[in-house]
């Protein structure tokens, strides 16, 4: 068996090209997609991940909204952002970047997210849809891995 390099950057470029065309079509109809990110605290890898999402959004022409709360924020402040974004028609989807600092109940905040705006597919309603095999947002990392394996025809049966 010969080793095959799975080039994630090349597959990502193809996905971005597909998304760019879809976003252009939406914009031609007067619709600009909106993505929000909520970061609580100063976790370095999380901050980097969020920054990458905003760079990608800018590159693709997606409006991006960012809330960065301090690690000592009141949980009610987190809920206020979630409630505001649930009601904001300019934000189509958003993520509550995990991990939250100690003392926050991430699950309680996640339950407050409108499942229709759950970009990561982590809300229990969306996880239930995943288990049932019905339409819903897919968790990003596993979906990305599946796209990579499918692109290179890597068999996964068994």
Protein backbone atom coordinates (compact mmCIF):
# COMPACT_ATOMS: atom_id res chain seq x y z
CA UNK A 1 0.00 0.00 0.00
CA UNK A 2 1.33 3.44 -0.96
CA UNK A 3 1.01 6.33 1.46
CA UNK A 4 -1.15 9.23 0.32
CA UNK A 5 -0.65 12.73 1.66
CA UNK A 6 -3.98 14.21 2.74
CA UNK A 7 -3.55 17.90 1.92
CA UNK A 8 -6.01 19.68 4.19
CA UNK A 9 -5.03 23.12 2.90
CA UNK A 10 -5.85 22.16 -0.68
CA UNK A 11 -9.23 20.75 0.34
CA UNK A 12 -9.92 23.86 2.43
CA UNK A 13 -9.15 26.05 -0.59
CA UNK A 14 -11.69 24.08 -2.65
CA UNK A 15 -14.29 24.41 0.08
CA UNK A 16 -13.64 28.16 0.33
CA UNK A 17 -14.05 28.50 -3.44
CA UNK A 18 -17.41 26.69 -3.24
CA UNK A 19 -18.48 28.88 -0.32
CA UNK A 20 -17.33 32.02 -2.10
CA UNK A 21 -19.60 31.25 -5.05
CA UNK A 22 -22.55 30.56 -2.74
CA UNK A 23 -21.93 33.75 -0.77
CA UNK A 24 -21.66 35.78 -3.98
CA UNK A 25 -25.03 34.38 -5.08
CA UNK A 26 -26.57 35.37 -1.75
CA UNK A 27 -25.07 38.85 -1.94
CA UNK A 28 -26.53 39.26 -5.44
CA UNK A 29 -29.91 38.78 -3.72
CA UNK A 30 -29.06 41.39 -1.07
CA UNK A 31 -28.21 38.83 1.62
CA UNK A 32 -24.92 38.95 3.48
CA UNK A 33 -24.30 36.00 5.83
CA UNK A 34 -23.26 36.84 9.38
CA UNK A 35 -21.05 34.81 11.74
CA UNK A 36 -20.56 35.53 15.43
CA UNK A 37 -17.91 34.34 17.86
CA UNK A 38 -18.10 34.57 21.64
CA UNK A 39 -14.82 34.14 23.50
CA UNK A 40 -14.77 34.26 27.28
CA UNK A 41 -11.34 34.56 28.90
CA UNK A 42 -7.87 34.50 27.41
CA UNK A 43 -7.21 30.95 26.25
CA UNK A 44 -4.50 31.40 23.60
CA UNK A 45 -5.45 28.58 21.22
CA UNK A 46 -9.11 29.62 21.43
CA UNK A 47 -8.25 33.23 20.65
CA UNK A 48 -6.22 32.06 17.65
CA UNK A 49 -9.09 29.86 16.42
CA UNK A 50 -11.54 32.76 16.71
CA UNK A 51 -9.14 35.08 14.86
CA UNK A 52 -8.89 32.52 12.05
CA UNK A 53 -12.70 32.41 11.78
CA UNK A 54 -12.80 36.20 11.39
CA UNK A 55 -10.02 36.17 8.77
CA UNK A 56 -11.87 33.50 6.80
CA UNK A 57 -15.13 35.43 7.09
CA UNK A 58 -13.48 38.60 5.78
CA UNK A 59 -11.89 36.67 2.92
CA UNK A 60 -15.25 35.17 1.96
CA UNK A 61 -17.30 38.35 2.37
CA UNK A 62 -19.17 37.21 5.47
CA UNK A 63 -20.01 39.81 8.10
CA UNK A 64 -18.41 38.80 11.37
CA UNK A 65 -19.33 39.77 14.89
CA UNK A 66 -16.98 39.27 17.81
CA UNK A 67 -17.58 39.42 21.54
CA UNK A 68 -14.62 38.87 23.83
CA UNK A 69 -15.51 38.91 27.51
CA UNK A 70 -12.98 38.80 30.33
CA UNK A 71 -12.47 35.61 32.33
CA UNK A 72 -14.12 37.28 35.32
CA UNK A 73 -17.23 38.33 33.41
CA UNK A 74 -20.57 37.67 35.00
CA UNK A 75 -22.41 34.66 33.51
CA UNK A 76 -25.33 37.02 32.92
CA UNK A 77 -23.08 38.94 30.50
CA UNK A 78 -22.54 35.74 28.51
CA UNK A 79 -26.28 35.09 28.49
CA UNK A 80 -26.90 38.67 27.33
CA UNK A 81 -24.65 38.16 24.29
CA UNK A 82 -26.33 34.85 23.48
CA UNK A 83 -29.81 36.36 23.82
CA UNK A 84 -28.85 39.35 21.65
CA UNK A 85 -27.39 37.14 18.94
CA UNK A 86 -30.36 34.76 19.02
CA UNK A 87 -32.57 37.77 18.20
CA UNK A 88 -30.24 39.49 15.70
CA UNK A 89 -31.22 38.74 12.07
CA UNK A 90 -27.76 39.88 10.89
CA UNK A 91 -26.18 36.91 12.67
CA UNK A 92 -27.04 33.64 10.93
CA UNK A 93 -24.83 31.45 13.10
CA UNK A 94 -22.40 31.80 15.96
CA UNK A 95 -20.18 29.83 18.24
CA UNK A 96 -19.47 29.98 21.93
CA UNK A 97 -15.76 29.16 21.88
CA UNK A 98 -14.88 26.32 24.22
CA UNK A 99 -13.36 26.15 26.79
CA UNK A 100 -14.95 28.73 29.03
CA UNK A 101 -12.97 29.68 32.15
CA UNK A 102 -13.50 27.77 35.38
CA UNK A 103 -16.67 28.76 37.15
CA UNK A 104 -18.78 29.06 34.00
CA UNK A 105 -21.41 26.46 33.18
CA UNK A 106 -20.69 25.99 29.48
CA UNK A 107 -23.55 23.52 29.07
CA UNK A 108 -26.09 25.96 30.54
CA UNK A 109 -24.90 28.68 28.16
CA UNK A 110 -24.96 26.27 25.21
CA UNK A 111 -28.55 25.32 26.01
CA UNK A 112 -29.46 29.00 25.67
CA UNK A 113 -28.17 29.12 22.06
CA UNK A 114 -30.86 29.04 19.38
CA UNK A 115 -30.27 25.61 17.77
CA UNK A 116 -30.84 27.17 14.33
CA UNK A 117 -27.84 29.46 14.93
CA UNK A 118 -25.53 26.82 16.46
CA UNK A 119 -22.59 26.88 14.05
CA UNK A 120 -20.84 23.94 15.73
CA UNK A 121 -23.86 21.63 15.89
CA UNK A 122 -23.27 21.07 19.63
CA UNK A 123 -26.67 22.05 20.98
CA UNK A 124 -28.51 18.91 22.15
CA UNK A 125 -31.22 19.48 19.53
CA UNK A 126 -28.58 19.41 16.79
CA UNK A 127 -26.76 16.44 18.27
CA UNK A 128 -30.12 14.65 18.33
CA UNK A 129 -30.62 15.47 14.65
CA UNK A 130 -27.16 14.08 13.95
CA UNK A 131 -27.96 10.83 15.75
CA UNK A 132 -31.30 10.57 13.94
CA UNK A 133 -29.68 11.27 10.58
CA UNK A 134 -31.84 14.32 9.89
CA UNK A 135 -30.83 17.70 8.45
CA UNK A 136 -28.92 19.94 10.85
CA UNK A 137 -25.57 21.62 11.42
CA UNK A 138 -22.68 19.20 11.61
CA UNK A 139 -19.87 19.42 14.16
CA UNK A 140 -17.05 21.16 12.28
CA UNK A 141 -14.03 19.01 13.06
CA UNK A 142 -15.58 15.59 12.33
CA UNK A 143 -17.26 16.97 9.21
CA UNK A 144 -13.96 18.42 8.01
CA UNK A 145 -12.23 15.08 8.55
CA UNK A 146 -14.98 13.31 6.60
CA UNK A 147 -14.61 15.80 3.72
CA UNK A 148 -10.85 15.20 3.68
CA UNK A 149 -11.23 11.41 3.67
CA UNK A 150 -13.93 11.55 0.98
CA UNK A 151 -11.85 13.89 -1.18
CA UNK A 152 -9.00 11.37 -1.22
CA UNK A 153 -11.28 8.32 -1.50
CA UNK A 154 -10.00 6.90 1.77
CA UNK A 155 -12.11 3.85 2.63
CA UNK A 156 -13.48 3.99 6.17
CA UNK A 157 -15.66 0.89 6.24
CA UNK A 158 -14.77 -1.48 9.02
